[in-house]
Amino acid sequence: MALRQPPLASVHADRGAGFTDFGGWEMPVEFDSIRAEHTAVREAAGIFDVSHMGEIRVEGPDAATLMQRLTTNDVSALDPGDSQYACITTEEGVILDDTVVYRLPSDDDPDRTGGSGSEDPSFLFIPNAGHDEEMVQRWRTYRDDHDIDAAVENVTEEWAMFAVQGPEAPELVDDAASVDGGSATDLSKFEATWADVSGSECWVARTGYTGEDGFEVLCPWDAAEAVWSEFDCQPCGLGARDTLRMEYGFLLSGQDFHPEENPRTPYEAGVSFTVKLDTDFVGRDALAAQKERGVEESFTGIKLQERGVARHGYEVTRDGEVVGEITSGTMSPTLGEPIALGYLPSEYTDGDEVNVVIRGDEKRATVTSPPFIK
């Protein structure tokens, strides 16, 4: 099957980007170097093409009910323009995917994200790369089985998505985005609004995946090049996005959790704040029971004390026994030290000594709760 491509594939190729297959998309992995791009985001600003992320529009009289049943957070807490991080779980409480849910303004313009223009509540949620069709099917099946009145549309290939991240990102976005009655920098974290960028109406959200301040900008697919060109900063690929998120301990769907290969619940994965047990969602009872009894393993960080880089799937040992497994690892560009993420017995705490098995050798390491940088 041919890989899906973002709207700026040829623009990125002309800029000299290297590409990789990620979630069924051919995406830029680096433009100059991962280190240079990583440093730009930590010290100034960088822009990422994240058009491989899905966009699913949900609206109608029962849209809020459908979103509440299929995500773990409290959708009723969202006012128009608000967003929240949430998990999508099975009946057993296992994470299928993590997502950001946006509550769109009422009476939304029908040209925006595929909206109908009705005054019914409307939402946009962002599944990870390659999960859009799976989640559309999940939403529609649940809707039909439970006689819920809501429309569910996959608008992934109607909207490009860029992330402008770093300490200088607010100024860049403020200069580029025209917001009625205010500015982009008026937005608090996890707030969003419509704004004009290069003549196109875009959804501008103060969200990101790097640990730095920044924004994510959704724009019409055919306006992608004009909007991208508005941000004069370092173009960045998925390589730097990965090292940046690891330094802050952010989960990567399909790697730090996977419903078949590494099934984990939000409590095990360290995102218990996404679980609101006083709401009714798929997996709620299983998670309530797990919260009561506690978890045996928890997602945490590990910092190597010897030369080497821990990679996905490497074993973690203590006193000669395997006690856990690495799910993500890298040489931290900021620290110049090897860091890793993975699951260990829940009783392990910061400072506990473990080993990571790298090519048959046990390398000394220390349990370190992320973020690794402050």
Protein backbone atom coordinates (compact mmCIF):
# COMPACT_ATOMS: atom_id res chain seq x y z
CA MET A 1 0.00 0.00 0.00
CA ALA A 2 1.32 3.43 -0.95
CA LEU A 3 2.30 5.72 1.90
CA ARG A 4 0.14 8.77 2.54
CA GLN A 5 1.91 12.09 2.07
CA PRO A 6 1.46 15.47 3.74
CA PRO A 7 0.53 18.38 1.46
CA LEU A 8 4.07 19.80 1.67
CA ALA A 9 5.93 16.60 0.72
CA SER A 10 7.54 18.19 -2.35
CA VAL A 11 8.34 21.41 -0.44
CA HIS A 12 10.13 19.41 2.25
CA ALA A 13 12.01 17.37 -0.36
CA ASP A 14 13.20 20.57 -2.05
CA ARG A 15 14.43 21.77 1.34
CA GLY A 16 16.55 18.62 1.61
CA ALA A 17 14.53 16.70 4.19
CA GLY A 18 15.07 13.02 4.77
CA PHE A 19 11.88 11.00 5.04
CA THR A 20 10.64 8.03 7.04
CA ASP A 21 7.54 5.84 7.18
CA PHE A 22 5.54 6.77 10.26
CA GLY A 23 2.07 5.42 10.85
CA GLY A 24 1.58 4.85 7.13
CA TRP A 25 2.71 8.37 6.22
CA GLU A 26 5.91 9.45 4.48
CA MET A 27 7.07 12.20 6.81
CA PRO A 28 10.25 14.31 7.14
CA VAL A 29 12.49 12.84 9.83
CA GLU A 30 15.10 15.62 9.67
CA PHE A 31 15.97 18.68 7.62
CA ASP A 32 19.45 19.61 8.85
CA SER A 33 20.22 17.40 11.84
CA ILE A 34 18.24 16.13 14.79
CA ARG A 35 20.59 17.90 17.20
CA ALA A 36 20.33 21.28 15.42
CA GLU A 37 16.55 21.04 15.23
CA HIS A 38 16.25 19.91 18.85
CA THR A 39 18.45 22.79 20.02
CA ALA A 40 16.46 25.32 18.00
CA VAL A 41 13.26 24.32 19.78
CA ARG A 42 14.84 24.40 23.24
CA GLU A 43 16.57 27.75 22.67
CA ALA A 44 14.55 29.61 20.01
CA ALA A 45 11.81 28.07 17.84
CA GLY A 46 11.15 25.36 15.31
CA ILE A 47 8.25 24.32 13.11
CA PHE A 48 7.12 20.72 12.58
CA ASP A 49 4.83 19.38 9.89
CA VAL A 50 2.51 17.06 11.85
CA SER A 51 -0.10 16.62 9.14
CA HIS A 52 0.10 12.87 9.74
CA MET A 53 -1.99 13.36 12.88
CA GLY A 54 -5.66 12.56 12.40
CA GLU A 55 -8.57 14.98 12.65
CA ILE A 56 -12.05 13.64 13.40
CA ARG A 57 -15.06 15.96 13.51
CA VAL A 58 -17.99 14.99 15.78
CA GLU A 59 -21.17 17.06 15.95
CA GLY A 60 -24.90 16.79 16.48
CA PRO A 61 -27.37 16.81 19.38
CA ASP A 62 -25.60 13.91 21.14
CA ALA A 63 -22.01 14.77 20.18
CA ALA A 64 -21.00 15.44 23.78
CA THR A 65 -22.49 12.12 24.90
CA LEU A 66 -20.57 10.21 22.23
CA MET A 67 -17.29 11.94 23.06
CA GLN A 68 -17.83 11.30 26.77
CA ARG A 69 -18.50 7.59 26.26
CA LEU A 70 -15.37 7.04 24.16
CA THR A 71 -12.75 9.18 25.94
CA THR A 72 -11.60 8.98 29.55
CA ASN A 73 -11.57 12.67 30.47
CA ASP A 74 -14.54 14.90 31.32
CA VAL A 75 -15.82 16.38 28.06
CA SER A 76 -18.51 18.33 29.94
CA ALA A 77 -15.75 20.47 31.47
CA LEU A 78 -14.88 21.94 28.06
CA ASP A 79 -16.15 25.35 27.06
CA PRO A 80 -15.96 26.33 23.37
CA GLY A 81 -12.31 26.90 22.55
CA ASP A 82 -11.06 24.58 25.30
CA SER A 83 -9.24 21.30 24.82
CA GLN A 84 -8.11 18.38 26.94
CA TYR A 85 -5.76 15.44 26.74
CA ALA A 86 -7.53 12.08 27.04
CA CYS A 87 -7.18 8.37 26.42
CA ILE A 88 -9.31 6.05 24.32
CA THR A 89 -9.66 2.73 26.12
CA THR A 90 -11.11 -0.75 25.71
CA GLU A 91 -13.63 -2.31 28.11
CA GLU A 92 -10.58 -3.66 29.98
CA GLY A 93 -9.18 -0.15 30.40
CA VAL A 94 -6.32 -0.73 27.95
CA ILE A 95 -5.24 2.33 25.96
CA LEU A 96 -5.99 2.12 22.25
CA ASP A 97 -4.70 5.63 21.60
CA ASP A 98 -4.23 8.98 23.30
CA THR A 99 -5.75 12.13 21.89
CA VAL A 100 -6.48 15.83 22.30
CA VAL A 101 -10.18 16.77 22.24
CA TYR A 102 -11.19 20.29 21.17
CA ARG A 103 -14.62 21.80 21.84
CA LEU A 104 -15.33 23.96 18.81
CA PRO A 105 -17.29 27.21 19.00
CA SER A 106 -21.08 26.94 18.76
CA ASP A 107 -22.74 27.72 15.42
CA ASP A 108 -19.43 26.92 13.75
CA ASP A 109 -18.92 28.05 10.16
CA PRO A 110 -19.53 25.09 7.82
CA ASP A 111 -16.25 25.79 6.02
CA ARG A 112 -14.31 25.15 9.20
CA THR A 113 -13.21 21.54 9.78
CA GLY A 114 -16.22 20.23 7.90
CA GLY A 115 -18.82 21.69 10.26
CA SER A 116 -22.50 21.92 9.36
CA GLY A 117 -23.03 25.37 10.86
CA SER A 118 -25.62 24.13 13.37
CA GLU A 119 -25.74 25.22 17.01
CA ASP A 120 -25.32 21.64 18.23
CA PRO A 121 -22.14 20.98 20.23
CA SER A 122 -19.21 20.11 18.02
CA PHE A 123 -15.80 18.60 18.70
CA LEU A 124 -12.55 17.90 16.91
CA PHE A 125 -10.31 15.17 18.25
CA ILE A 126 -6.80 14.27 17.15
CA PRO A 127 -5.89 10.57 17.00
CA ASN A 128 -2.32 9.57 16.26
CA ALA A 129 -0.91 8.82 12.82
CA GLY A 130 -2.62 5.94 11.10
CA HIS A 131 -5.43 5.71 13.66
CA ASP A 132 -7.95 7.99 11.97
CA GLU A 133 -9.98 5.37 10.10
CA GLU A 134 -9.87 3.01 13.09
CA MET A 135 -11.26 5.70 15.37
CA VAL A 136 -13.92 6.83 12.89
CA GLN A 137 -15.14 3.24 12.72
CA ARG A 138 -15.07 2.93 16.52
CA TRP A 139 -17.08 6.13 16.95
CA ARG A 140 -19.63 5.23 14.29
CA THR A 141 -20.09 1.68 15.54
CA TYR A 142 -20.66 2.82 19.12
CA ARG A 143 -23.00 5.57 17.92
CA ASP A 144 -25.11 3.14 15.89
CA ASP A 145 -25.16 0.44 18.60
CA HIS A 146 -26.37 2.93 21.22
CA ASP A 147 -28.72 5.03 19.06
CA ILE A 148 -26.73 8.22 19.57
CA ASP A 149 -27.53 11.20 17.32
CA ALA A 150 -24.16 12.48 16.12
CA ALA A 151 -22.26 12.83 12.86
CA VAL A 152 -18.67 11.53 12.71
CA GLU A 153 -16.45 12.63 9.82
CA ASN A 154 -12.81 11.98 9.02
CA VAL A 155 -11.32 15.33 7.93
CA THR A 156 -7.66 14.26 8.20
CA GLU A 157 -6.86 14.94 4.56
CA GLU A 158 -8.71 18.24 4.50
CA TRP A 159 -6.48 19.89 7.10
CA ALA A 160 -2.72 20.29 7.41
CA MET A 161 -1.27 20.63 10.89
CA PHE A 162 1.90 22.42 11.96
CA ALA A 163 3.50 22.77 15.40
CA VAL A 164 5.46 25.94 16.17
CA GLN A 165 7.38 25.27 19.36
CA GLY A 166 10.01 26.93 21.53
CA PRO A 167 10.51 30.04 23.69
CA GLU A 168 10.19 32.31 20.64
CA ALA A 169 7.11 30.52 19.29
CA PRO A 170 4.54 32.84 20.93
CA GLU A 171 6.01 35.89 19.21
CA LEU A 172 6.14 34.11 15.85
CA VAL A 173 2.55 32.95 16.07
CA ASP A 174 1.35 36.30 17.36
CA ASP A 175 2.94 38.02 14.35
CA ALA A 176 1.45 35.54 11.86
CA ALA A 177 -2.05 35.02 13.27
CA SER A 178 -4.78 37.66 13.25
CA VAL A 179 -7.33 36.99 15.99
CA ASP A 180 -10.58 38.93 16.24
CA GLY A 181 -10.56 41.05 19.39
CA GLY A 182 -7.25 39.76 20.73
CA SER A 183 -4.09 37.87 19.95
CA ALA A 184 -2.86 34.28 19.93
CA THR A 185 -0.76 34.97 23.01
CA ASP A 186 -3.95 35.68 24.97
CA LEU A 187 -4.62 31.93 24.83
CA SER A 188 -3.77 29.90 27.90
CA LYS A 189 -2.39 26.38 27.64
CA PHE A 190 -4.94 24.05 26.02
CA GLU A 191 -7.03 26.93 24.69
CA ALA A 192 -7.66 27.50 20.98
CA THR A 193 -9.32 29.95 18.61
CA TRP A 194 -9.90 30.68 14.94
CA ALA A 195 -7.37 33.05 13.41
CA ASP A 196 -6.41 34.34 10.00
CA VAL A 197 -2.96 33.17 8.88
CA SER A 198 -1.81 34.23 5.41
CA GLY A 199 -5.39 34.77 4.31
CA SER A 200 -6.70 31.41 5.51
CA GLU A 201 -8.85 30.71 8.53
CA CYS A 202 -6.88 28.41 10.83
CA TRP A 203 -7.51 26.71 14.16
CA VAL A 204 -4.70 27.91 16.47
CA ALA A 205 -4.19 26.02 19.74
CA ARG A 206 -1.71 26.54 22.55
CA THR A 207 -0.73 22.89 22.63
CA GLY A 208 2.35 20.86 21.75
CA TYR A 209 4.48 17.80 22.30
CA THR A 210 7.94 19.19 23.08
CA GLY A 211 7.74 20.49 26.66
CA GLU A 212 8.25 24.03 25.38
CA ASP A 213 5.69 26.77 24.96
CA GLY A 214 4.12 26.73 21.54
CA PHE A 215 1.13 26.34 19.28
CA GLU A 216 -0.37 23.87 16.88
CA VAL A 217 -1.97 25.35 13.77
CA LEU A 218 -4.55 23.55 11.65
CA CYS A 219 -5.02 25.06 8.20
CA PRO A 220 -6.83 24.04 5.01
CA TRP A 221 -4.86 21.44 3.04
CA ASP A 222 -4.50 23.66 -0.02
CA ALA A 223 -3.25 26.60 2.07
CA ALA A 224 -0.46 24.60 3.71
CA GLU A 225 2.47 26.13 1.84
CA ALA A 226 1.36 29.71 2.42
CA VAL A 227 0.77 29.11 6.12
CA TRP A 228 4.04 27.18 6.60
CA SER A 229 5.97 30.05 4.97
CA GLU A 230 4.62 32.53 7.53
CA PHE A 231 6.87 31.08 10.25
CA ASP A 232 10.51 32.02 9.81
CA CYS A 233 12.19 29.47 12.03
CA GLN A 234 14.03 26.14 11.89
CA PRO A 235 12.09 23.40 10.08
CA CYS A 236 12.12 20.25 12.19
CA GLY A 237 11.43 16.59 11.51
CA LEU A 238 10.06 13.72 13.53
CA GLY A 239 13.53 12.81 14.81
CA ALA A 240 13.78 15.99 16.90
CA ARG A 241 10.13 15.68 17.88
CA ASP A 242 10.97 12.29 19.36
CA THR A 243 14.04 13.43 21.34
CA LEU A 244 12.16 16.49 22.62
CA ARG A 245 9.15 14.51 23.85
CA MET A 246 11.40 11.90 25.50
CA GLU A 247 13.19 14.54 27.57
CA TYR A 248 9.79 15.40 29.04
CA GLY A 249 8.56 11.83 29.36
CA PHE A 250 5.65 12.16 26.94
CA LEU A 251 4.07 8.93 25.69
CA LEU A 252 4.36 7.79 22.08
CA SER A 253 1.37 5.79 20.88
CA GLY A 254 2.34 2.39 19.53
CA GLN A 255 5.72 2.47 21.25
CA ASP A 256 5.23 3.34 24.93
CA PHE A 257 1.90 1.53 24.81
CA HIS A 258 0.26 -0.79 22.29
CA PRO A 259 -3.07 -2.58 22.78
CA GLU A 260 -1.67 -5.96 21.70
CA GLU A 261 2.13 -5.83 22.00
CA ASN A 262 2.32 -3.81 25.22
CA PRO A 263 -1.19 -3.31 26.67
CA ARG A 264 -1.21 -0.57 29.29
CA THR A 265 -3.84 1.38 31.16
CA PRO A 266 -3.70 5.12 31.90
CA TYR A 267 -2.76 4.31 35.51
CA GLU A 268 0.21 2.21 34.41
CA ALA A 269 1.22 4.72 31.72
CA GLY A 270 1.42 7.62 34.17
CA VAL A 271 -1.51 9.60 32.78
CA SER A 272 -4.05 8.96 35.53
CA PHE A 273 -5.03 12.66 35.34
CA THR A 274 -6.87 11.84 32.10
CA VAL A 275 -9.23 9.45 33.92
CA LYS A 276 -12.42 10.92 35.38
CA LEU A 277 -14.18 8.02 37.10
CA ASP A 278 -17.29 10.09 37.81
CA THR A 279 -18.05 10.03 34.07
CA ASP A 280 -19.41 7.11 32.04
CA PHE A 281 -16.95 5.83 29.44
CA VAL A 282 -15.85 2.54 27.92
CA GLY A 283 -13.35 0.98 30.34
CA ARG A 284 -14.50 2.99 33.35
CA ASP A 285 -15.34 0.00 35.58
CA ALA A 286 -12.07 -1.78 34.83
CA LEU A 287 -10.09 1.36 35.64
CA ALA A 288 -12.03 1.96 38.85
CA ALA A 289 -11.12 -1.56 39.97
CA GLN A 290 -7.48 -1.05 39.04
CA LYS A 291 -7.29 2.22 40.92
CA GLU A 292 -8.65 0.44 44.00
CA ARG A 293 -6.11 -2.40 43.91
CA GLY A 294 -3.16 -0.42 42.51
CA VAL A 295 -0.81 -1.21 39.64
CA GLU A 296 2.15 -3.57 39.64
CA GLU A 297 4.18 -1.65 37.04
CA SER A 298 4.45 2.06 36.25
CA PHE A 299 5.86 4.15 33.43
CA THR A 300 8.99 5.96 34.52
CA GLY A 301 12.36 7.28 33.40
CA ILE A 302 15.81 5.76 33.53
CA LYS A 303 19.15 7.52 33.16
CA LEU A 304 22.17 5.44 32.15
CA GLN A 305 25.34 5.89 34.16
CA GLU A 306 27.54 4.19 31.59
CA ARG A 307 28.23 4.58 27.89
CA GLY A 308 25.44 3.25 25.66
CA VAL A 309 21.94 4.06 24.46
CA ALA A 310 18.91 2.13 25.67
CA ARG A 311 16.49 1.25 22.88
CA HIS A 312 12.92 0.02 22.59
CA GLY A 313 12.64 -3.57 23.81
CA TYR A 314 15.84 -3.65 25.89
CA GLU A 315 15.54 -5.47 29.21
CA VAL A 316 15.95 -3.79 32.60
CA THR A 317 17.48 -5.97 35.32
CA ARG A 318 18.19 -5.86 39.03
CA ASP A 319 20.21 -8.42 40.97
CA GLY A 320 20.34 -10.56 37.86
CA GLU A 321 16.56 -10.67 37.36
CA VAL A 322 14.59 -9.02 34.57
CA VAL A 323 12.33 -6.41 36.20
CA GLY A 324 11.20 -4.29 33.27
CA GLU A 325 11.58 -3.20 29.68
CA ILE A 326 12.61 -0.05 27.84
CA THR A 327 9.96 1.41 25.53
CA SER A 328 11.82 4.55 24.33
CA GLY A 329 15.41 5.68 24.61
CA THR A 330 17.85 8.22 23.17
CA MET A 331 20.96 10.25 23.81
CA SER A 332 19.49 13.44 25.22
CA PRO A 333 20.74 16.36 23.10
CA THR A 334 20.07 18.79 25.96
CA LEU A 335 21.83 16.79 28.68
CA GLY A 336 24.39 14.93 26.61
CA GLU A 337 23.40 11.80 28.57
CA PRO A 338 21.52 8.63 27.61
CA ILE A 339 17.93 8.62 28.86
CA ALA A 340 15.12 6.11 28.53
CA LEU A 341 11.48 5.48 29.35
CA GLY A 342 9.82 2.23 30.27
CA TYR A 343 7.90 0.17 32.82
CA LEU A 344 9.28 -0.92 36.17
CA PRO A 345 7.73 -2.31 39.37
CA SER A 346 5.68 0.43 40.98
CA GLU A 347 7.66 0.32 44.21
CA TYR A 348 10.80 1.55 42.41
CA THR A 349 11.53 5.21 43.14
CA ASP A 350 13.93 7.92 42.04
CA GLY A 351 17.52 7.01 42.76
CA ASP A 352 17.00 3.23 42.74
CA GLU A 353 19.76 1.46 40.85
CA VAL A 354 18.98 -0.86 37.94
CA ASN A 355 20.76 -2.14 34.86
CA VAL A 356 19.87 -1.93 31.17
CA VAL A 357 20.99 -4.84 29.01
CA ILE A 358 22.68 -3.44 25.90
CA ARG A 359 24.09 -6.00 23.46
CA GLY A 360 24.37 -8.56 26.23
CA ASP A 361 26.09 -6.24 28.73
CA GLU A 362 24.42 -4.86 31.85
CA LYS A 363 24.89 -1.10 32.00
CA ARG A 364 24.37 0.70 35.29
CA ALA A 365 21.39 3.03 35.39
CA THR A 366 19.29 5.04 37.84
CA VAL A 367 15.53 5.39 38.06
CA THR A 368 14.68 9.05 37.31
CA SER A 369 11.13 10.34 37.07
CA PRO A 370 10.65 12.53 33.99
CA PRO A 371 10.90 15.24 32.95
CA PHE A 372 14.64 14.79 32.69
CA ILE A 373 15.14 18.53 32.20
CA LYS A 374 13.62 21.20 34.40
